[in-house]
């Protein structure tokens, strides 16, 4: 992904601009798609809370990004490749005539904003069913500023140490999006502790058609995510587009193969999860590997991630919706395999192990993976601990048992002949509703 910010009195290319406008809309659509994907995976009592955690992330991250996030991530380097400056805080100096490469700078900034949004929303899957919504409102902007923004600068920003000093490759977000969200999800899951009934209750997805719809929207949006990162309507965008499709397909098939062999049944949840795993893995590598490499990357992610989602039971961390097993593990696979399958035809220079590049690029990719995962985990763990100490991060046992939809949002996703927003007649929750609300409902 080209990232050097240039403000020039030049006209943007209309074709590149049109494509990036479409790609930006596609990436933004991924967050509502994620909301449906996650919403279908939880139980009926927390569906709306899951949707809300994704949707509110759009608003919270946008405010942070416009205030200072974009400037710190993509402004000129201010300190040792670690963070940008504040020259563009509040989007200062970025008028409609400012150009980034061949597209308007404001469009480039908006495109990058959609990446930051979905990365924050991804974390919510690790803490589903048990986090305070108010604490989430505090966590998201703090996390975006302290975790996502620095890693984005390292990976894509002008002077970023991973991009320009280390020389590791990441075309569309394996480091800032996938590994960062996965490591952060693990940290928050450890701070919160497991759900009530973890490893005892089934906790099955309540609506698999919703999961499949969400996965489909994610896949659709992923073409903007990956092909849009070429920042132009060109051959590189076309190659990234095809690689994205191919890896999603082999990821799906790889996961189903494991399920059939291990469990005797290929499942719809497995198909959705496998496709997402393949898409996660190809995100960093779609602009670096050939079509054959993309097929292998997707297949590897589908197979490995199908086993990785079960690690939470072995190691006793409750990653509710498998953010660690899919996004962290899939992101690591895709980022490392650049060092194996990168080809000069795609990268313009760097080559992986199988194309004569030796172990050099693989070593660079490994250093980037370790650095980003460690930073995201440690800082997120610290943020979670501070929020937990100040205001409490976990919902009460009663709220968790009853469900966050009713106790936090005073709503339920499904009305099956109950009073109010889901409280059965005569229940303690029904009697605790405000008098005016009960009268209205009784009327």
Protein backbone atom coordinates (compact mmCIF):
# COMPACT_ATOMS: atom_id res chain seq x y z
CA UNK A 1 0.00 0.00 0.00
CA UNK A 2 1.56 3.31 -1.06
CA UNK A 3 1.53 5.69 1.87
CA UNK A 4 3.82 8.66 1.35
CA UNK A 5 1.63 11.72 1.84
CA UNK A 6 2.20 14.39 -0.79
CA UNK A 7 0.27 17.62 -1.00
CA UNK A 8 0.59 18.84 -4.53
CA UNK A 9 -1.20 21.17 -6.89
CA UNK A 10 -1.89 18.26 -9.22
CA UNK A 11 -5.15 16.81 -10.38
CA UNK A 12 -6.20 13.39 -9.18
CA UNK A 13 -6.74 10.65 -11.72
CA UNK A 14 -10.48 10.26 -12.21
CA UNK A 15 -10.37 6.51 -12.76
CA UNK A 16 -8.27 5.87 -9.66
CA UNK A 17 -10.47 8.21 -7.65
CA UNK A 18 -13.66 6.50 -8.78
CA UNK A 19 -12.29 3.08 -7.84
CA UNK A 20 -11.09 4.21 -4.44
CA UNK A 21 -14.45 5.86 -3.70
CA UNK A 22 -16.12 2.51 -4.41
CA UNK A 23 -13.49 0.60 -2.41
CA UNK A 24 -13.97 2.90 0.58
CA UNK A 25 -17.69 2.24 0.57
CA UNK A 26 -17.01 -1.51 0.32
CA UNK A 27 -14.69 -1.47 3.32
CA UNK A 28 -17.14 0.53 5.42
CA UNK A 29 -19.82 -2.05 4.57
CA UNK A 30 -17.60 -4.70 6.14
CA UNK A 31 -18.34 -3.40 9.64
CA UNK A 32 -22.13 -3.90 9.37
CA UNK A 33 -21.28 -7.25 7.76
CA UNK A 34 -19.11 -8.08 10.76
CA UNK A 35 -21.96 -7.05 13.04
CA UNK A 36 -24.25 -9.62 11.38
CA UNK A 37 -21.50 -12.26 11.36
CA UNK A 38 -20.87 -11.80 15.08
CA UNK A 39 -24.55 -11.24 15.88
CA UNK A 40 -25.51 -14.60 14.45
CA UNK A 41 -22.77 -16.37 16.39
CA UNK A 42 -23.91 -15.28 19.86
CA UNK A 43 -26.96 -16.44 21.78
CA UNK A 44 -30.32 -14.68 21.39
CA UNK A 45 -29.93 -12.72 24.61
CA UNK A 46 -26.93 -10.70 23.39
CA UNK A 47 -27.55 -10.23 19.66
CA UNK A 48 -28.29 -6.51 19.74
CA UNK A 49 -25.40 -5.78 22.06
CA UNK A 50 -23.08 -7.48 19.56
CA UNK A 51 -24.49 -5.41 16.71
CA UNK A 52 -24.15 -2.23 18.76
CA UNK A 53 -20.49 -2.85 19.57
CA UNK A 54 -19.69 -2.86 15.86
CA UNK A 55 -21.91 0.05 14.86
CA UNK A 56 -20.77 2.35 17.68
CA UNK A 57 -17.16 1.66 16.66
CA UNK A 58 -17.87 3.46 13.37
CA UNK A 59 -18.73 6.66 15.21
CA UNK A 60 -16.04 6.49 17.89
CA UNK A 61 -13.10 5.68 15.62
CA UNK A 62 -14.16 8.29 13.07
CA UNK A 63 -14.00 11.07 15.67
CA UNK A 64 -10.55 9.97 16.85
CA UNK A 65 -9.28 9.61 13.29
CA UNK A 66 -10.41 13.06 12.21
CA UNK A 67 -9.11 14.70 15.38
CA UNK A 68 -5.57 13.36 15.28
CA UNK A 69 -5.46 9.67 14.28
CA UNK A 70 -4.87 10.24 10.58
CA UNK A 71 -2.13 12.78 11.20
CA UNK A 72 -0.31 10.53 13.68
CA UNK A 73 -0.58 7.50 11.39
CA UNK A 74 0.13 9.04 7.99
CA UNK A 75 1.76 12.36 8.76
CA UNK A 76 5.50 12.82 8.30
CA UNK A 77 7.46 10.76 10.80
CA UNK A 78 8.02 12.60 14.06
CA UNK A 79 10.10 10.14 16.06
CA UNK A 80 12.29 7.22 14.99
CA UNK A 81 9.74 5.63 12.68
CA UNK A 82 7.32 5.15 15.57
CA UNK A 83 4.69 7.87 15.13
CA UNK A 84 3.71 10.67 12.78
CA UNK A 85 3.33 14.34 13.60
CA UNK A 86 0.28 16.51 14.29
CA UNK A 87 0.56 18.76 11.23
CA UNK A 88 -2.79 17.47 9.97
CA UNK A 89 -4.65 17.29 13.29
CA UNK A 90 -8.27 18.06 12.65
CA UNK A 91 -7.50 17.36 8.97
CA UNK A 92 -5.73 20.72 8.78
CA UNK A 93 -4.24 21.58 5.40
CA UNK A 94 -6.05 18.78 3.58
CA UNK A 95 -8.38 20.58 1.22
CA UNK A 96 -10.16 19.20 -1.84
CA UNK A 97 -7.17 20.02 -4.04
CA UNK A 98 -4.67 18.05 -1.95
CA UNK A 99 -3.51 14.91 -3.75
CA UNK A 100 -2.07 11.67 -2.38
CA UNK A 101 -0.48 9.85 -5.29
CA UNK A 102 -3.24 9.88 -7.89
CA UNK A 103 -6.24 10.29 -5.55
CA UNK A 104 -7.49 13.13 -3.33
CA UNK A 105 -5.83 13.10 0.07
CA UNK A 106 -9.20 13.36 1.81
CA UNK A 107 -10.30 10.19 0.02
CA UNK A 108 -7.10 8.39 1.00
CA UNK A 109 -7.66 9.44 4.61
CA UNK A 110 -11.26 8.20 4.52
CA UNK A 111 -10.21 4.89 2.99
CA UNK A 112 -7.68 4.40 5.78
CA UNK A 113 -10.33 5.36 8.34
CA UNK A 114 -12.50 2.41 7.31
CA UNK A 115 -9.61 0.07 8.12
CA UNK A 116 -9.27 1.53 11.60
CA UNK A 117 -13.01 1.16 12.20
CA UNK A 118 -13.28 -2.53 11.40
CA UNK A 119 -10.10 -3.34 13.33
CA UNK A 120 -11.62 -1.96 16.53
CA UNK A 121 -14.92 -3.72 15.85
CA UNK A 122 -13.15 -7.06 15.33
CA UNK A 123 -11.95 -7.06 18.94
CA UNK A 124 -15.53 -7.17 20.23
CA UNK A 125 -15.85 -10.79 19.14
CA UNK A 126 -13.34 -11.90 21.76
CA UNK A 127 -15.36 -10.38 24.62
CA UNK A 128 -18.91 -11.10 23.49
CA UNK A 129 -21.67 -11.67 26.08
CA UNK A 130 -19.87 -10.17 29.07
CA UNK A 131 -18.38 -6.69 28.53
CA UNK A 132 -19.92 -3.47 29.81
CA UNK A 133 -21.15 -1.35 26.92
CA UNK A 134 -20.09 1.83 28.70
CA UNK A 135 -16.58 0.46 29.13
CA UNK A 136 -16.49 -0.42 25.43
CA UNK A 137 -17.32 3.21 24.61
CA UNK A 138 -14.23 4.26 26.55
CA UNK A 139 -11.99 1.45 25.31
CA UNK A 140 -12.47 1.94 21.55
CA UNK A 141 -11.16 5.52 21.15
CA UNK A 142 -8.29 4.97 23.61
CA UNK A 143 -7.29 1.73 21.89
CA UNK A 144 -7.51 3.26 18.41
CA UNK A 145 -5.18 6.07 19.45
CA UNK A 146 -2.66 4.02 21.42
CA UNK A 147 -2.57 0.78 19.44
CA UNK A 148 -3.96 1.01 15.92
CA UNK A 149 -2.54 4.41 15.00
CA UNK A 150 1.10 3.64 15.91
CA UNK A 151 1.06 0.23 14.20
CA UNK A 152 -0.47 1.76 11.06
CA UNK A 153 2.36 4.31 11.01
CA UNK A 154 4.98 1.59 11.47
CA UNK A 155 3.55 -0.44 8.61
CA UNK A 156 2.37 2.15 6.06
CA UNK A 157 3.25 5.64 7.25
CA UNK A 158 6.08 7.73 5.79
CA UNK A 159 9.23 6.81 7.70
CA UNK A 160 7.52 3.93 9.53
CA UNK A 161 10.15 1.52 10.84
CA UNK A 162 8.52 -1.69 9.59
CA UNK A 163 8.04 -0.32 6.09
CA UNK A 164 11.20 1.68 5.52
CA UNK A 165 13.75 0.40 8.03
CA UNK A 166 12.92 -3.28 8.44
CA UNK A 167 11.56 -3.79 4.93
CA UNK A 168 8.72 -6.14 5.86
CA UNK A 169 5.80 -6.23 3.41
CA UNK A 170 2.11 -5.84 4.21
CA UNK A 171 -0.12 -4.89 1.32
CA UNK A 172 -3.52 -4.48 3.01
CA UNK A 173 -3.37 -4.99 6.75
CA UNK A 174 -2.09 -8.27 8.14
CA UNK A 175 -0.15 -6.38 10.81
CA UNK A 176 -2.30 -3.32 11.67
CA UNK A 177 -5.67 -5.06 11.22
CA UNK A 178 -5.51 -8.83 11.66
CA UNK A 179 -2.63 -9.44 14.07
CA UNK A 180 -3.37 -6.28 16.05
CA UNK A 181 -7.05 -7.14 16.51
CA UNK A 182 -6.28 -10.76 17.35
CA UNK A 183 -3.59 -9.99 19.92
CA UNK A 184 -5.76 -7.25 21.42
CA UNK A 185 -8.74 -9.58 21.59
CA UNK A 186 -6.66 -12.13 23.47
CA UNK A 187 -5.51 -9.48 25.95
CA UNK A 188 -9.05 -8.27 26.66
CA UNK A 189 -10.37 -11.83 26.97
CA UNK A 190 -7.75 -12.50 29.64
CA UNK A 191 -8.61 -9.30 31.50
CA UNK A 192 -12.34 -10.13 31.48
CA UNK A 193 -12.10 -13.83 32.21
CA UNK A 194 -14.36 -16.52 30.73
CA UNK A 195 -18.12 -16.28 30.25
CA UNK A 196 -20.44 -17.89 32.76
CA UNK A 197 -20.72 -21.52 31.71
CA UNK A 198 -17.58 -21.53 29.57
CA UNK A 199 -16.64 -25.14 28.71
CA UNK A 200 -19.91 -26.29 30.33
CA UNK A 201 -22.74 -24.75 28.30
CA UNK A 202 -22.98 -25.31 24.55
CA UNK A 203 -23.14 -21.58 23.58
CA UNK A 204 -24.03 -22.40 19.98
CA UNK A 205 -24.64 -19.72 17.32
CA UNK A 206 -28.30 -18.76 17.45
CA UNK A 207 -28.76 -17.80 13.77
CA UNK A 208 -26.54 -19.44 11.15
CA UNK A 209 -28.27 -17.78 8.17
CA UNK A 210 -27.28 -14.43 9.75
CA UNK A 211 -23.71 -15.70 10.08
CA UNK A 212 -23.64 -16.67 6.41
CA UNK A 213 -25.08 -13.32 5.35
CA UNK A 214 -22.48 -11.51 7.42
CA UNK A 215 -19.70 -13.63 5.93
CA UNK A 216 -20.98 -12.86 2.44
CA UNK A 217 -20.95 -9.12 3.11
CA UNK A 218 -17.47 -9.39 4.56
CA UNK A 219 -16.25 -11.25 1.47
CA UNK A 220 -17.87 -8.66 -0.79
CA UNK A 221 -16.30 -5.80 1.14
CA UNK A 222 -12.91 -7.52 1.23
CA UNK A 223 -12.42 -6.80 -2.46
CA UNK A 224 -12.40 -3.11 -1.56
CA UNK A 225 -10.14 -3.85 1.39
CA UNK A 226 -7.47 -5.63 -0.64
CA UNK A 227 -7.83 -4.43 -4.23
CA UNK A 228 -8.48 -0.90 -3.00
CA UNK A 229 -5.09 -0.93 -1.31
CA UNK A 230 -3.48 -0.62 -4.75
CA UNK A 231 -4.86 2.96 -4.57
CA UNK A 232 -5.61 2.85 -8.27
CA UNK A 233 -7.63 1.16 -10.98
CA UNK A 234 -4.72 -0.84 -12.34
CA UNK A 235 -3.23 -4.28 -12.85
CA UNK A 236 -2.06 -4.58 -9.25
CA UNK A 237 -5.61 -3.99 -8.05
CA UNK A 238 -6.83 -6.68 -10.45
CA UNK A 239 -4.23 -9.17 -9.19
CA UNK A 240 -5.10 -8.42 -5.55
CA UNK A 241 -8.79 -8.82 -6.39
CA UNK A 242 -8.27 -12.26 -7.94
CA UNK A 243 -5.94 -13.38 -5.15
CA UNK A 244 -8.57 -12.37 -2.60
CA UNK A 245 -11.26 -14.44 -4.32
CA UNK A 246 -8.96 -17.44 -4.68
CA UNK A 247 -7.77 -17.46 -1.07
CA UNK A 248 -11.30 -17.14 0.28
CA UNK A 249 -12.30 -20.20 -1.75
CA UNK A 250 -9.40 -22.40 -0.63
CA UNK A 251 -9.84 -21.24 2.95
CA UNK A 252 -13.47 -22.35 2.85
CA UNK A 253 -12.61 -25.71 1.31
CA UNK A 254 -9.70 -26.32 3.68
CA UNK A 255 -11.86 -25.74 6.76
CA UNK A 256 -14.63 -28.01 5.43
CA UNK A 257 -12.10 -30.74 4.68
CA UNK A 258 -10.87 -30.66 8.28
CA UNK A 259 -14.43 -30.72 9.63
CA UNK A 260 -15.38 -33.67 7.43
CA UNK A 261 -12.29 -35.62 8.39
CA UNK A 262 -12.38 -34.71 12.10
CA UNK A 263 -16.10 -34.49 12.84
CA UNK A 264 -17.80 -36.23 9.95
CA UNK A 265 -19.89 -33.16 9.08
CA UNK A 266 -19.10 -30.08 6.97
CA UNK A 267 -20.99 -27.18 8.58
CA UNK A 268 -22.27 -23.79 7.50
CA UNK A 269 -20.38 -22.18 10.37
CA UNK A 270 -17.24 -23.92 9.13
CA UNK A 271 -17.80 -22.66 5.59
CA UNK A 272 -18.23 -19.07 6.79
CA UNK A 273 -15.26 -19.29 9.16
CA UNK A 274 -13.02 -20.91 6.54
CA UNK A 275 -13.76 -18.24 3.97
CA UNK A 276 -12.99 -15.52 6.51
CA UNK A 277 -9.76 -17.29 7.54
CA UNK A 278 -8.60 -17.41 3.93
CA UNK A 279 -9.48 -13.75 3.44
CA UNK A 280 -7.63 -12.79 6.62
CA UNK A 281 -4.47 -14.57 5.49
CA UNK A 282 -4.45 -13.13 1.98
CA UNK A 283 -4.90 -9.57 3.28
CA UNK A 284 -1.19 -8.88 3.87
CA UNK A 285 -0.03 -10.98 0.93
CA UNK A 286 -2.50 -10.26 -1.88
CA UNK A 287 -0.15 -7.73 -3.45
CA UNK A 288 2.98 -9.85 -3.03
CA UNK A 289 2.17 -13.41 -4.12
CA UNK A 290 1.14 -15.05 -7.37
CA UNK A 291 -2.21 -16.74 -7.88
CA UNK A 292 -0.66 -20.08 -6.93
CA UNK A 293 0.69 -18.51 -3.76
CA UNK A 294 -2.72 -17.09 -2.94
CA UNK A 295 -4.33 -20.52 -3.29
CA UNK A 296 -1.78 -22.01 -0.89
CA UNK A 297 -2.07 -19.13 1.59
CA UNK A 298 -5.85 -19.50 1.77
CA UNK A 299 -5.70 -23.27 2.10
CA UNK A 300 -3.10 -23.10 4.87
CA UNK A 301 -5.23 -20.61 6.80
CA UNK A 302 -8.40 -22.67 6.40
CA UNK A 303 -6.73 -25.81 7.72
CA UNK A 304 -4.66 -24.29 10.53
CA UNK A 305 -7.34 -21.89 11.79
CA UNK A 306 -9.89 -24.70 11.96
CA UNK A 307 -7.71 -26.29 14.61
CA UNK A 308 -6.63 -23.00 16.22
CA UNK A 309 -10.18 -22.07 17.26
CA UNK A 310 -10.12 -25.01 19.66
CA UNK A 311 -7.00 -23.82 21.48
CA UNK A 312 -9.12 -21.67 23.80
CA UNK A 313 -10.49 -24.79 25.46
CA UNK A 314 -7.02 -26.25 25.88
CA UNK A 315 -5.41 -23.08 27.22
CA UNK A 316 -8.48 -21.78 29.05
CA UNK A 317 -8.95 -18.35 27.49
CA UNK A 318 -12.48 -17.49 26.41
CA UNK A 319 -12.17 -15.95 22.96
CA UNK A 320 -15.94 -15.96 22.44
CA UNK A 321 -16.15 -15.69 18.65
CA UNK A 322 -12.66 -16.91 17.69
CA UNK A 323 -10.88 -13.63 17.00
CA UNK A 324 -7.62 -15.20 18.13
CA UNK A 325 -8.09 -18.45 16.23
CA UNK A 326 -9.03 -16.75 12.95
CA UNK A 327 -7.61 -13.23 12.87
CA UNK A 328 -4.43 -13.57 14.92
CA UNK A 329 -3.48 -16.99 13.57
CA UNK A 330 -4.66 -16.24 10.03
CA UNK A 331 -2.87 -12.89 10.05
CA UNK A 332 0.36 -14.53 11.19
CA UNK A 333 0.09 -17.19 8.47
CA UNK A 334 -0.50 -14.66 5.71
CA UNK A 335 2.21 -12.29 6.87
CA UNK A 336 4.85 -15.01 7.25
CA UNK A 337 4.05 -16.71 3.96
CA UNK A 338 4.98 -13.52 2.13
CA UNK A 339 8.52 -14.56 3.02
CA UNK A 340 7.91 -17.85 1.21
CA UNK A 341 5.76 -16.98 -1.81
CA UNK A 342 6.56 -13.32 -2.60
CA UNK A 343 7.46 -12.87 -6.24
CA UNK A 344 9.24 -9.94 -7.88
CA UNK A 345 6.49 -9.80 -10.50
CA UNK A 346 4.15 -8.57 -7.76
CA UNK A 347 6.50 -6.77 -5.38
CA UNK A 348 8.78 -5.14 -7.92
CA UNK A 349 11.82 -6.47 -6.10
CA UNK A 350 11.51 -8.53 -2.93
CA UNK A 351 11.26 -12.30 -3.36
CA UNK A 352 10.35 -15.11 -1.02
CA UNK A 353 12.13 -18.36 -0.23
CA UNK A 354 10.58 -20.34 -3.09
CA UNK A 355 11.47 -17.68 -5.65
CA UNK A 356 15.16 -17.39 -4.87
CA UNK A 357 15.02 -14.82 -2.12
CA UNK A 358 16.40 -17.07 0.60
CA UNK A 359 15.37 -16.55 4.22
CA UNK A 360 15.88 -12.78 4.25
CA UNK A 361 12.29 -11.70 3.61
CA UNK A 362 10.89 -14.42 5.86
CA UNK A 363 13.06 -13.15 8.69
CA UNK A 364 11.82 -9.59 8.18
CA UNK A 365 8.22 -10.77 8.21
CA UNK A 366 8.80 -12.73 11.43
CA UNK A 367 10.30 -9.72 13.22
CA UNK A 368 7.31 -7.59 12.22
CA UNK A 369 4.84 -10.24 13.42
CA UNK A 370 6.47 -10.59 16.83
CA UNK A 371 6.83 -6.84 17.35
CA UNK A 372 3.25 -5.98 16.41
CA UNK A 373 1.66 -8.88 18.30
CA UNK A 374 3.65 -8.12 21.45
CA UNK A 375 2.95 -4.39 21.32
CA UNK A 376 -0.78 -4.82 20.69
CA UNK A 377 -1.15 -7.43 23.43
CA UNK A 378 0.76 -5.53 26.11
CA UNK A 379 -0.77 -2.11 25.49
CA UNK A 380 -4.29 -3.52 25.19
CA UNK A 381 -3.86 -5.51 28.38
CA UNK A 382 -2.78 -2.32 30.13
CA UNK A 383 -5.73 -0.34 28.76
CA UNK A 384 -8.13 -3.09 29.83
CA UNK A 385 -6.70 -3.25 33.33
CA UNK A 386 -6.95 0.52 33.81
CA UNK A 387 -10.55 0.66 32.57
CA UNK A 388 -11.44 -2.32 34.75
CA UNK A 389 -9.92 -0.61 37.78
CA UNK A 390 -11.60 2.76 37.13
CA UNK A 391 -15.11 1.80 35.99
CA UNK A 392 -15.27 -1.97 35.67
CA UNK A 393 -14.94 -3.75 32.33
CA UNK A 394 -17.19 -6.72 32.91
CA UNK A 395 -20.98 -6.72 33.15
CA UNK A 396 -22.55 -7.97 36.36
CA UNK A 397 -23.35 -11.65 36.76
CA UNK A 398 -27.07 -10.86 36.67
CA UNK A 399 -26.71 -8.88 33.44
CA UNK A 400 -24.65 -11.63 31.84
CA UNK A 401 -27.09 -14.33 32.93
CA UNK A 402 -30.17 -12.44 31.74
CA UNK A 403 -28.55 -11.07 28.61
CA UNK A 404 -27.06 -7.72 27.69
CA UNK A 405 -29.77 -6.88 25.18
CA UNK A 406 -32.47 -6.50 27.81
CA UNK A 407 -30.42 -5.34 30.76
CA UNK A 408 -28.28 -2.78 28.89
CA UNK A 409 -30.31 -1.73 25.85
CA UNK A 410 -33.86 -2.49 27.09
CA UNK A 411 -34.54 -4.36 23.85
CA UNK A 412 -34.59 -7.89 22.51
CA UNK A 413 -33.85 -9.08 19.00
CA UNK A 414 -36.84 -11.41 18.86
CA UNK A 415 -40.31 -10.86 20.34
CA UNK A 416 -41.91 -14.20 21.16
CA UNK A 417 -45.12 -13.11 22.84
CA UNK A 418 -43.59 -11.23 25.75
CA UNK A 419 -44.33 -7.91 27.38
CA UNK A 420 -42.25 -4.78 26.89
CA UNK A 421 -38.91 -5.41 25.28
CA UNK A 422 -38.77 -9.08 26.09
CA UNK A 423 -39.49 -9.39 29.83
CA UNK A 424 -42.01 -12.19 30.53
CA UNK A 425 -45.22 -11.30 32.34
CA UNK A 426 -44.66 -11.28 36.08
CA UNK A 427 -40.87 -11.50 35.83
CA UNK A 428 -38.64 -9.41 38.03
CA UNK A 429 -37.32 -7.65 34.95
CA UNK A 430 -40.83 -6.78 33.82
CA UNK A 431 -41.64 -5.38 37.24
CA UNK A 432 -38.43 -3.36 37.25
CA UNK A 433 -39.26 -1.51 34.04
CA UNK A 434 -40.09 2.18 34.57
CA UNK A 435 -43.76 2.70 35.39
CA UNK A 436 -44.39 4.84 32.34
CA UNK A 437 -42.86 2.20 30.11
CA UNK A 438 -45.00 -0.56 31.68
CA UNK A 439 -48.18 1.47 31.29
CA UNK A 440 -47.33 2.17 27.67
CA UNK A 441 -46.73 -1.48 26.97
CA UNK A 442 -49.86 -2.59 28.78
CA UNK A 443 -51.88 -0.09 26.78
